[in-house]
């Protein structure tokens, strides 16, 4: 993807609750501060492009669901090859976003 400013994927959660890139660098760090055993504040530290990508995740997931649904219909109409590849990509991304990594 040309023009992307976010940290390249894949990303994963580490054992400390940080979102990290493939090279091990932190993409997003979240922390909760407690005062008198009550949650006082939450803090998230991320570069702006990475934060924008995380915030867009629900919209991206919905778009992939619509692409997957439309491409499935198109495949049944006889246009198989390029649409089938897009369907596979969309299904893989949907599964990952829903925590069902394939």
PDB file of N, CA and C in Angstrom:
ATOM      1  N   UNK A   1       0.833  -1.189   0.000  1.00  0.00           N
ATOM      2  CA  UNK A   1       0.000   0.000   0.000  1.00  0.00           C
ATOM      3  C   UNK A   1       0.870   1.242   0.000  1.00  0.00           C
ATOM      4  N   UNK A   2       0.893   1.953  -1.064  1.00  0.00           N
ATOM      5  CA  UNK A   2       1.686   3.177  -1.079  1.00  0.00           C
ATOM      6  C   UNK A   2       0.943   4.278  -0.332  1.00  0.00           C
ATOM      7  N   UNK A   3       1.707   5.134   0.317  1.00  0.00           N
ATOM      8  CA  UNK A   3       1.102   6.242   1.032  1.00  0.00           C
ATOM      9  C   UNK A   3       0.665   5.919   2.448  1.00  0.00           C
ATOM     10  N   UNK A   4       0.728   4.664   2.865  1.00  0.00           N
ATOM     11  CA  UNK A   4       0.355   4.309   4.228  1.00  0.00           C
ATOM     12  C   UNK A   4       1.393   4.832   5.192  1.00  0.00           C
ATOM     13  N   UNK A   5       0.934   5.439   6.265  1.00  0.00           N
ATOM     14  CA  UNK A   5       1.864   5.975   7.258  1.00  0.00           C
ATOM     15  C   UNK A   5       1.858   5.152   8.537  1.00  0.00           C
ATOM     16  N   UNK A   6       0.950   4.196   8.646  1.00  0.00           N
ATOM     17  CA  UNK A   6       0.900   3.398   9.864  1.00  0.00           C
ATOM     18  C   UNK A   6       2.034   2.376   9.881  1.00  0.00           C
ATOM     19  N   UNK A   7       2.273   1.838  11.052  1.00  0.00           N
ATOM     20  CA  UNK A   7       3.294   0.805  11.213  1.00  0.00           C
ATOM     21  C   UNK A   7       2.865  -0.425  10.430  1.00  0.00           C
ATOM     22  N   UNK A   8       3.738  -0.969   9.586  1.00  0.00           N
ATOM     23  CA  UNK A   8       3.370  -2.144   8.801  1.00  0.00           C
ATOM     24  C   UNK A   8       3.007  -3.332   9.700  1.00  0.00           C
ATOM     25  N   UNK A   9       2.063  -4.127   9.265  1.00  0.00           N
ATOM     26  CA  UNK A   9       1.656  -5.325   9.985  1.00  0.00           C
ATOM     27  C   UNK A   9       2.542  -6.492   9.613  1.00  0.00           C
ATOM     28  N   UNK A  10       2.271  -7.654  10.131  1.00  0.00           N
ATOM     29  CA  UNK A  10       1.160  -7.922  11.053  1.00  0.00           C
ATOM     30  C   UNK A  10       1.454  -7.416  12.463  1.00  0.00           C
ATOM     31  N   UNK A  11       0.388  -7.150  13.192  1.00  0.00           N
ATOM     32  CA  UNK A  11       0.478  -6.741  14.587  1.00  0.00           C
ATOM     33  C   UNK A  11      -0.038  -7.882  15.441  1.00  0.00           C
ATOM     34  N   UNK A  12       0.410  -7.922  16.698  1.00  0.00           N
ATOM     35  CA  UNK A  12      -0.095  -8.925  17.647  1.00  0.00           C
ATOM     36  C   UNK A  12      -0.034  -8.332  19.047  1.00  0.00           C
ATOM     37  N   UNK A  13      -0.814  -8.906  19.954  1.00  0.00           N
ATOM     38  CA  UNK A  13      -0.762  -8.488  21.361  1.00  0.00           C
ATOM     39  C   UNK A  13       0.315  -9.302  22.051  1.00  0.00           C
ATOM     40  N   UNK A  14       1.190  -8.642  22.812  1.00  0.00           N
ATOM     41  CA  UNK A  14       2.197  -9.381  23.565  1.00  0.00           C
ATOM     42  C   UNK A  14       1.668  -9.715  24.957  1.00  0.00           C
ATOM     43  N   UNK A  15       2.486 -10.420  25.730  1.00  0.00           N
ATOM     44  CA  UNK A  15       2.063 -10.881  27.054  1.00  0.00           C
ATOM     45  C   UNK A  15       1.852  -9.746  28.049  1.00  0.00           C
ATOM     46  N   UNK A  16       2.368  -8.550  27.741  1.00  0.00           N
ATOM     47  CA  UNK A  16       2.197  -7.392  28.627  1.00  0.00           C
ATOM     48  C   UNK A  16       1.012  -6.510  28.237  1.00  0.00           C
ATOM     49  N   UNK A  17       0.269  -6.926  27.205  1.00  0.00           N
ATOM     50  CA  UNK A  17      -0.888  -6.145  26.779  1.00  0.00           C
ATOM     51  C   UNK A  17      -0.568  -5.026  25.809  1.00  0.00           C
ATOM     52  N   UNK A  18       0.622  -5.073  25.211  1.00  0.00           N
ATOM     53  CA  UNK A  18       1.003  -4.081  24.209  1.00  0.00           C
ATOM     54  C   UNK A  18       0.724  -4.635  22.815  1.00  0.00           C
ATOM     55  N   UNK A  19       0.327  -3.773  21.909  1.00  0.00           N
ATOM     56  CA  UNK A  19       0.184  -4.149  20.513  1.00  0.00           C
ATOM     57  C   UNK A  19       1.545  -3.919  19.874  1.00  0.00           C
ATOM     58  N   UNK A  20       2.146  -4.975  19.301  1.00  0.00           N
ATOM     59  CA  UNK A  20       3.491  -4.873  18.760  1.00  0.00           C
ATOM     60  C   UNK A  20       3.523  -5.288  17.295  1.00  0.00           C
ATOM     61  N   UNK A  21       4.471  -4.701  16.562  1.00  0.00           N
ATOM     62  CA  UNK A  21       4.679  -5.030  15.163  1.00  0.00           C
ATOM     63  C   UNK A  21       5.543  -6.281  15.051  1.00  0.00           C
ATOM     64  N   UNK A  22       5.686  -6.764  13.830  1.00  0.00           N
ATOM     65  CA  UNK A  22       6.474  -7.978  13.590  1.00  0.00           C
ATOM     66  C   UNK A  22       7.917  -7.831  14.072  1.00  0.00           C
ATOM     67  N   UNK A  23       8.451  -6.590  14.048  1.00  0.00           N
ATOM     68  CA  UNK A  23       9.826  -6.367  14.498  1.00  0.00           C
ATOM     69  C   UNK A  23       9.925  -6.214  16.013  1.00  0.00           C
ATOM     70  N   UNK A  24       8.792  -6.347  16.732  1.00  0.00           N
ATOM     71  CA  UNK A  24       8.779  -6.270  18.188  1.00  0.00           C
ATOM     72  C   UNK A  24       8.578  -4.872  18.747  1.00  0.00           C
ATOM     73  N   UNK A  25       8.556  -3.852  17.883  1.00  0.00           N
ATOM     74  CA  UNK A  25       8.356  -2.482  18.367  1.00  0.00           C
ATOM     75  C   UNK A  25       6.894  -2.267  18.729  1.00  0.00           C
ATOM     76  N   UNK A  26       6.675  -1.488  19.792  1.00  0.00           N
ATOM     77  CA  UNK A  26       5.310  -1.207  20.235  1.00  0.00           C
ATOM     78  C   UNK A  26       4.575  -0.319  19.243  1.00  0.00           C
ATOM     79  N   UNK A  27       3.349  -0.722  18.954  1.00  0.00           N
ATOM     80  CA  UNK A  27       2.467   0.063  18.099  1.00  0.00           C
ATOM     81  C   UNK A  27       1.518   0.860  18.982  1.00  0.00           C
ATOM     82  N   UNK A  28       1.023   0.209  20.020  1.00  0.00           N
ATOM     83  CA  UNK A  28       0.056   0.821  20.923  1.00  0.00           C
ATOM     84  C   UNK A  28       0.276   0.268  22.319  1.00  0.00           C
ATOM     85  N   UNK A  29       0.291   1.162  23.291  1.00  0.00           N
ATOM     86  CA  UNK A  29       0.416   0.771  24.686  1.00  0.00           C
ATOM     87  C   UNK A  29      -0.775   1.337  25.433  1.00  0.00           C
ATOM     88  N   UNK A  30      -1.455   0.523  26.181  1.00  0.00           N
ATOM     89  CA  UNK A  30      -2.605   0.971  26.969  1.00  0.00           C
ATOM     90  C   UNK A  30      -2.298   0.761  28.443  1.00  0.00           C
ATOM     91  N   UNK A  31      -2.715   1.716  29.270  1.00  0.00           N
ATOM     92  CA  UNK A  31      -2.483   1.614  30.717  1.00  0.00           C
ATOM     93  C   UNK A  31      -3.695   2.167  31.450  1.00  0.00           C
ATOM     94  N   UNK A  32      -4.005   1.556  32.572  1.00  0.00           N
ATOM     95  CA  UNK A  32      -5.073   2.036  33.440  1.00  0.00           C
ATOM     96  C   UNK A  32      -4.458   2.402  34.777  1.00  0.00           C
ATOM     97  N   UNK A  33      -4.849   3.548  35.310  1.00  0.00           N
ATOM     98  CA  UNK A  33      -4.325   4.010  36.579  1.00  0.00           C
ATOM     99  C   UNK A  33      -5.403   3.847  37.649  1.00  0.00           C
ATOM    100  N   UNK A  34      -5.013   3.336  38.797  1.00  0.00           N
ATOM    101  CA  UNK A  34      -5.957   3.104  39.883  1.00  0.00           C
ATOM    102  C   UNK A  34      -5.698   4.063  41.037  1.00  0.00           C
ATOM    103  N   UNK A  35      -6.764   4.474  41.678  1.00  0.00           N
ATOM    104  CA  UNK A  35      -6.677   5.307  42.861  1.00  0.00           C
ATOM    105  C   UNK A  35      -7.709   4.786  43.840  1.00  0.00           C
ATOM    106  N   UNK A  36      -7.275   4.401  45.024  1.00  0.00           N
ATOM    107  CA  UNK A  36      -8.172   3.831  46.030  1.00  0.00           C
ATOM    108  C   UNK A  36      -8.968   2.658  45.462  1.00  0.00           C
ATOM    109  N   UNK A  37      -8.278   1.786  44.705  1.00  0.00           N
ATOM    110  CA  UNK A  37      -8.877   0.582  44.135  1.00  0.00           C
ATOM    111  C   UNK A  37      -9.996   0.874  43.135  1.00  0.00           C
ATOM    112  N   UNK A  38     -10.041   2.087  42.621  1.00  0.00           N
ATOM    113  CA  UNK A  38     -11.007   2.426  41.583  1.00  0.00           C
ATOM    114  C   UNK A  38     -10.242   2.890  40.359  1.00  0.00           C
ATOM    115  N   UNK A  39     -10.791   2.583  39.186  1.00  0.00           N
ATOM    116  CA  UNK A  39     -10.157   3.031  37.958  1.00  0.00           C
ATOM    117  C   UNK A  39     -10.288   4.542  37.865  1.00  0.00           C
ATOM    118  N   UNK A  40      -9.164   5.208  37.746  1.00  0.00           N
ATOM    119  CA  UNK A  40      -9.160   6.665  37.684  1.00  0.00           C
ATOM    120  C   UNK A  40      -9.100   7.159  36.243  1.00  0.00           C
ATOM    121  N   UNK A  41      -8.225   6.577  35.452  1.00  0.00           N
ATOM    122  CA  UNK A  41      -8.055   7.050  34.084  1.00  0.00           C
ATOM    123  C   UNK A  41      -7.413   5.952  33.253  1.00  0.00           C
ATOM    124  N   UNK A  42      -7.612   6.050  31.973  1.00  0.00           N
ATOM    125  CA  UNK A  42      -6.965   5.133  31.039  1.00  0.00           C
ATOM    126  C   UNK A  42      -6.124   5.965  30.094  1.00  0.00           C
ATOM    127  N   UNK A  43      -5.006   5.426  29.715  1.00  0.00           N
ATOM    128  CA  UNK A  43      -4.107   6.125  28.822  1.00  0.00           C
ATOM    129  C   UNK A  43      -3.735   5.196  27.673  1.00  0.00           C
ATOM    130  N   UNK A  44      -3.763   5.739  26.473  1.00  0.00           N
ATOM    131  CA  UNK A  44      -3.343   4.979  25.302  1.00  0.00           C
ATOM    132  C   UNK A  44      -2.267   5.784  24.604  1.00  0.00           C
ATOM    133  N   UNK A  45      -1.161   5.131  24.307  1.00  0.00           N
ATOM    134  CA  UNK A  45      -0.051   5.786  23.636  1.00  0.00           C
ATOM    135  C   UNK A  45       0.157   5.111  22.287  1.00  0.00           C
ATOM    136  N   UNK A  46      -0.036   5.876  21.207  1.00  0.00           N
ATOM    137  CA  UNK A  46       0.169   5.352  19.859  1.00  0.00           C
ATOM    138  C   UNK A  46       0.471   6.510  18.922  1.00  0.00           C
ATOM    139  N   UNK A  47       1.219   6.216  17.847  1.00  0.00           N
ATOM    140  CA  UNK A  47       1.432   7.229  16.824  1.00  0.00           C
ATOM    141  C   UNK A  47       0.083   7.505  16.145  1.00  0.00           C
ATOM    142  N   UNK A  48      -0.115   8.726  15.681  1.00  0.00           N
ATOM    143  CA  UNK A  48      -1.398   9.120  15.103  1.00  0.00           C
ATOM    144  C   UNK A  48      -1.857   8.207  13.956  1.00  0.00           C
ATOM    145  N   UNK A  49      -0.996   7.849  12.986  1.00  0.00           N
ATOM    146  CA  UNK A  49      -1.464   6.960  11.922  1.00  0.00           C
ATOM    147  C   UNK A  49      -1.899   5.589  12.439  1.00  0.00           C
ATOM    148  N   UNK A  50      -1.187   5.065  13.447  1.00  0.00           N
ATOM    149  CA  UNK A  50      -1.560   3.769  14.020  1.00  0.00           C
ATOM    150  C   UNK A  50      -2.877   3.879  14.773  1.00  0.00           C
ATOM    151  N   UNK A  51      -3.056   4.966  15.519  1.00  0.00           N
ATOM    152  CA  UNK A  51      -4.304   5.174  16.254  1.00  0.00           C
ATOM    153  C   UNK A  51      -5.476   5.297  15.287  1.00  0.00           C
ATOM    154  N   UNK A  52      -5.268   5.991  14.171  1.00  0.00           N
ATOM    155  CA  UNK A  52      -6.332   6.130  13.167  1.00  0.00           C
ATOM    156  C   UNK A  52      -6.703   4.780  12.573  1.00  0.00           C
ATOM    157  N   UNK A  53      -5.696   3.933  12.321  1.00  0.00           N
ATOM    158  CA  UNK A  53      -5.965   2.606  11.779  1.00  0.00           C
ATOM    159  C   UNK A  53      -6.750   1.761  12.768  1.00  0.00           C
ATOM    160  N   UNK A  54      -6.367   1.800  14.040  1.00  0.00           N
ATOM    161  CA  UNK A  54      -7.089   1.048  15.070  1.00  0.00           C
ATOM    162  C   UNK A  54      -8.530   1.551  15.169  1.00  0.00           C
ATOM    163  N   UNK A  55      -8.704   2.866  15.142  1.00  0.00           N
ATOM    164  CA  UNK A  55     -10.045   3.434  15.239  1.00  0.00           C
ATOM    165  C   UNK A  55     -10.902   3.066  14.027  1.00  0.00           C
ATOM    166  N   UNK A  56     -10.277   2.886  12.876  1.00  0.00           N
ATOM    167  CA  UNK A  56     -11.012   2.545  11.660  1.00  0.00           C
ATOM    168  C   UNK A  56     -11.334   1.060  11.551  1.00  0.00           C
ATOM    169  N   UNK A  57     -10.784   0.254  12.434  1.00  0.00           N
ATOM    170  CA  UNK A  57     -10.964  -1.198  12.341  1.00  0.00           C
ATOM    171  C   UNK A  57     -12.418  -1.638  12.219  1.00  0.00           C
ATOM    172  N   UNK A  58     -13.359  -1.108  12.997  1.00  0.00           N
ATOM    173  CA  UNK A  58     -14.754  -1.537  12.826  1.00  0.00           C
ATOM    174  C   UNK A  58     -15.306  -1.230  11.431  1.00  0.00           C
ATOM    175  N   UNK A  59     -14.957  -0.068  10.881  1.00  0.00           N
ATOM    176  CA  UNK A  59     -15.418   0.276   9.536  1.00  0.00           C
ATOM    177  C   UNK A  59     -14.767  -0.613   8.487  1.00  0.00           C
ATOM    178  N   UNK A  60     -13.472  -0.905   8.664  1.00  0.00           N
ATOM    179  CA  UNK A  60     -12.782  -1.790   7.738  1.00  0.00           C
ATOM    180  C   UNK A  60     -13.382  -3.190   7.764  1.00  0.00           C
ATOM    181  N   UNK A  61     -13.696  -3.678   8.959  1.00  0.00           N
ATOM    182  CA  UNK A  61     -14.317  -4.988   9.084  1.00  0.00           C
ATOM    183  C   UNK A  61     -15.662  -5.011   8.382  1.00  0.00           C
ATOM    184  N   UNK A  62     -16.470  -3.990   8.563  1.00  0.00           N
ATOM    185  CA  UNK A  62     -17.776  -3.933   7.907  1.00  0.00           C
ATOM    186  C   UNK A  62     -17.628  -3.900   6.389  1.00  0.00           C
ATOM    187  N   UNK A  63     -16.648  -3.136   5.897  1.00  0.00           N
ATOM    188  CA  UNK A  63     -16.413  -3.083   4.452  1.00  0.00           C
ATOM    189  C   UNK A  63     -16.022  -4.451   3.914  1.00  0.00           C
ATOM    190  N   UNK A  64     -15.153  -5.154   4.631  1.00  0.00           N
ATOM    191  CA  UNK A  64     -14.753  -6.492   4.203  1.00  0.00           C
ATOM    192  C   UNK A  64     -15.930  -7.458   4.209  1.00  0.00           C
ATOM    193  N   UNK A  65     -16.807  -7.334   5.191  1.00  0.00           N
ATOM    194  CA  UNK A  65     -18.005  -8.189   5.224  1.00  0.00           C
ATOM    195  C   UNK A  65     -18.873  -7.945   3.996  1.00  0.00           C
ATOM    196  N   UNK A  66     -19.027  -6.680   3.618  1.00  0.00           N
ATOM    197  CA  UNK A  66     -19.841  -6.352   2.442  1.00  0.00           C
ATOM    198  C   UNK A  66     -19.180  -6.855   1.166  1.00  0.00           C
ATOM    199  N   UNK A  67     -17.854  -6.713   1.066  1.00  0.00           N
ATOM    200  CA  UNK A  67     -17.127  -7.222  -0.101  1.00  0.00           C
ATOM    201  C   UNK A  67     -17.280  -8.735  -0.189  1.00  0.00           C
ATOM    202  N   UNK A  68     -17.113  -9.407   0.949  1.00  0.00           N
ATOM    203  CA  UNK A  68     -17.241 -10.867   0.972  1.00  0.00           C
ATOM    204  C   UNK A  68     -18.630 -11.302   0.531  1.00  0.00           C
ATOM    205  N   UNK A  69     -19.649 -10.615   1.012  1.00  0.00           N
ATOM    206  CA  UNK A  69     -21.027 -10.966   0.652  1.00  0.00           C
ATOM    207  C   UNK A  69     -21.277 -10.715  -0.837  1.00  0.00           C
ATOM    208  N   UNK A  70     -20.851  -9.562  -1.339  1.00  0.00           N
ATOM    209  CA  UNK A  70     -21.050  -9.237  -2.748  1.00  0.00           C
ATOM    210  C   UNK A  70     -20.259 -10.166  -3.657  1.00  0.00           C
ATOM    211  N   UNK A  71     -19.037 -10.517  -3.265  1.00  0.00           N
ATOM    212  CA  UNK A  71     -18.227 -11.377  -4.111  1.00  0.00           C
ATOM    213  C   UNK A  71     -18.757 -12.797  -4.129  1.00  0.00           C
ATOM    214  N   UNK A  72     -19.341 -13.242  -3.028  1.00  0.00           N
ATOM    215  CA  UNK A  72     -19.964 -14.567  -3.009  1.00  0.00           C
ATOM    216  C   UNK A  72     -21.119 -14.610  -4.003  1.00  0.00           C
ATOM    217  N   UNK A  73     -21.916 -13.573  -4.035  1.00  0.00           N
ATOM    218  CA  UNK A  73     -23.031 -13.494  -4.987  1.00  0.00           C
ATOM    219  C   UNK A  73     -22.502 -13.477  -6.420  1.00  0.00           C
ATOM    220  N   UNK A  74     -21.424 -12.707  -6.670  1.00  0.00           N
ATOM    221  CA  UNK A  74     -20.846 -12.605  -8.005  1.00  0.00           C
ATOM    222  C   UNK A  74     -20.280 -13.946  -8.452  1.00  0.00           C
ATOM    223  N   UNK A  75     -19.660 -14.694  -7.537  1.00  0.00           N
ATOM    224  CA  UNK A  75     -19.117 -16.008  -7.877  1.00  0.00           C
ATOM    225  C   UNK A  75     -20.210 -16.939  -8.351  1.00  0.00           C
ATOM    226  N   UNK A  76     -21.384 -16.864  -7.729  1.00  0.00           N
ATOM    227  CA  UNK A  76     -22.498 -17.719  -8.127  1.00  0.00           C
ATOM    228  C   UNK A  76     -23.028 -17.321  -9.500  1.00  0.00           C
ATOM    229  N   UNK A  77     -22.679 -16.116  -9.966  1.00  0.00           N
ATOM    230  CA  UNK A  77     -23.113 -15.647 -11.275  1.00  0.00           C
ATOM    231  C   UNK A  77     -22.149 -16.074 -12.378  1.00  0.00           C
ATOM    232  N   UNK A  78     -21.033 -16.686 -12.030  1.00  0.00           N
ATOM    233  CA  UNK A  78     -20.120 -17.229 -13.025  1.00  0.00           C
ATOM    234  C   UNK A  78     -18.777 -16.536 -13.151  1.00  0.00           C
ATOM    235  N   UNK A  79     -18.540 -15.426 -12.511  1.00  0.00           N
ATOM    236  CA  UNK A  79     -17.261 -14.710 -12.576  1.00  0.00           C
ATOM    237  C   UNK A  79     -16.414 -15.160 -11.392  1.00  0.00           C
ATOM    238  N   UNK A  80     -15.693 -16.240 -11.544  1.00  0.00           N
ATOM    239  CA  UNK A  80     -15.081 -16.901 -10.401  1.00  0.00           C
ATOM    240  C   UNK A  80     -13.686 -16.420 -10.016  1.00  0.00           C
ATOM    241  N   UNK A  81     -12.767 -16.363 -10.949  1.00  0.00           N
ATOM    242  CA  UNK A  81     -11.358 -16.288 -10.593  1.00  0.00           C
ATOM    243  C   UNK A  81     -10.952 -15.064  -9.776  1.00  0.00           C
ATOM    244  N   UNK A  82     -11.060 -13.824 -10.302  1.00  0.00           N
ATOM    245  CA  UNK A  82     -10.586 -12.693  -9.488  1.00  0.00           C
ATOM    246  C   UNK A  82     -11.442 -12.463  -8.248  1.00  0.00           C
ATOM    247  N   UNK A  83     -12.719 -12.711  -8.374  1.00  0.00           N
ATOM    248  CA  UNK A  83     -13.614 -12.505  -7.240  1.00  0.00           C
ATOM    249  C   UNK A  83     -13.328 -13.535  -6.149  1.00  0.00           C
ATOM    250  N   UNK A  84     -13.014 -14.753  -6.526  1.00  0.00           N
ATOM    251  CA  UNK A  84     -12.705 -15.789  -5.547  1.00  0.00           C
ATOM    252  C   UNK A  84     -11.497 -15.428  -4.699  1.00  0.00           C
ATOM    253  N   UNK A  85     -10.479 -14.833  -5.313  1.00  0.00           N
ATOM    254  CA  UNK A  85      -9.293 -14.415  -4.568  1.00  0.00           C
ATOM    255  C   UNK A  85      -9.642 -13.292  -3.598  1.00  0.00           C
ATOM    256  N   UNK A  86     -10.447 -12.328  -4.035  1.00  0.00           N
ATOM    257  CA  UNK A  86     -10.869 -11.246  -3.147  1.00  0.00           C
ATOM    258  C   UNK A  86     -11.701 -11.787  -1.983  1.00  0.00           C
ATOM    259  N   UNK A  87     -12.536 -12.757  -2.271  1.00  0.00           N
ATOM    260  CA  UNK A  87     -13.348 -13.363  -1.218  1.00  0.00           C
ATOM    261  C   UNK A  87     -12.462 -14.014  -0.170  1.00  0.00           C
ATOM    262  N   UNK A  88     -11.435 -14.739  -0.607  1.00  0.00           N
ATOM    263  CA  UNK A  88     -10.514 -15.378   0.335  1.00  0.00           C
ATOM    264  C   UNK A  88      -9.795 -14.346   1.195  1.00  0.00           C
ATOM    265  N   UNK A  89      -9.352 -13.248   0.576  1.00  0.00           N
ATOM    266  CA  UNK A  89      -8.676 -12.183   1.318  1.00  0.00           C
ATOM    267  C   UNK A  89      -9.625 -11.575   2.349  1.00  0.00           C
ATOM    268  N   UNK A  90     -10.843 -11.281   1.929  1.00  0.00           N
ATOM    269  CA  UNK A  90     -11.826 -10.689   2.838  1.00  0.00           C
ATOM    270  C   UNK A  90     -12.143 -11.637   3.982  1.00  0.00           C
ATOM    271  N   UNK A  91     -12.333 -12.911   3.701  1.00  0.00           N
ATOM    272  CA  UNK A  91     -12.657 -13.885   4.755  1.00  0.00           C
ATOM    273  C   UNK A  91     -11.519 -14.010   5.764  1.00  0.00           C
ATOM    274  N   UNK A  92     -10.281 -14.004   5.292  1.00  0.00           N
ATOM    275  CA  UNK A  92      -9.130 -14.085   6.183  1.00  0.00           C
ATOM    276  C   UNK A  92      -9.064 -12.859   7.090  1.00  0.00           C
ATOM    277  N   UNK A  93      -9.265 -11.681   6.507  1.00  0.00           N
ATOM    278  CA  UNK A  93      -9.219 -10.443   7.296  1.00  0.00           C
ATOM    279  C   UNK A  93     -10.362 -10.386   8.303  1.00  0.00           C
ATOM    280  N   UNK A  94     -11.538 -10.814   7.903  1.00  0.00           N
ATOM    281  CA  UNK A  94     -12.693 -10.842   8.806  1.00  0.00           C
ATOM    282  C   UNK A  94     -12.403 -11.780   9.974  1.00  0.00           C
ATOM    283  N   UNK A  95     -11.892 -12.952   9.669  1.00  0.00           N
ATOM    284  CA  UNK A  95     -11.593 -13.927  10.725  1.00  0.00           C
ATOM    285  C   UNK A  95     -10.581 -13.359  11.713  1.00  0.00           C
ATOM    286  N   UNK A  96      -9.555 -12.689  11.205  1.00  0.00           N
ATOM    287  CA  UNK A  96      -8.545 -12.110  12.104  1.00  0.00           C
ATOM    288  C   UNK A  96      -9.137 -11.012  12.964  1.00  0.00           C
ATOM    289  N   UNK A  97      -9.942 -10.151  12.352  1.00  0.00           N
ATOM    290  CA  UNK A  97     -10.558  -9.056  13.102  1.00  0.00           C
ATOM    291  C   UNK A  97     -11.518  -9.563  14.163  1.00  0.00           C
ATOM    292  N   UNK A  98     -12.122 -10.714  13.909  1.00  0.00           N
ATOM    293  CA  UNK A  98     -13.067 -11.298  14.870  1.00  0.00           C
ATOM    294  C   UNK A  98     -12.370 -12.261  15.840  1.00  0.00           C
ATOM    295  N   UNK A  99     -11.042 -12.342  15.761  1.00  0.00           N
ATOM    296  CA  UNK A  99     -10.303 -13.208  16.682  1.00  0.00           C
ATOM    297  C   UNK A  99     -10.334 -14.658  16.304  1.00  0.00           C
ATOM    298  N   UNK A 100     -10.670 -14.974  15.061  1.00  0.00           N
ATOM    299  CA  UNK A 100     -10.717 -16.355  14.581  1.00  0.00           C
ATOM    300  C   UNK A 100      -9.617 -16.559  13.552  1.00  0.00           C
ATOM    301  N   UNK A 101      -8.378 -16.184  13.872  1.00  0.00           N
ATOM    302  CA  UNK A 101      -7.278 -16.246  12.904  1.00  0.00           C
ATOM    303  C   UNK A 101      -7.215 -17.618  12.270  1.00  0.00           C
ATOM    304  N   UNK A 102      -6.984 -17.608  10.952  1.00  0.00           N
ATOM    305  CA  UNK A 102      -6.914 -18.871  10.215  1.00  0.00           C
ATOM    306  C   UNK A 102      -5.494 -19.233   9.879  1.00  0.00           C
TER     307      UNK A 102
END
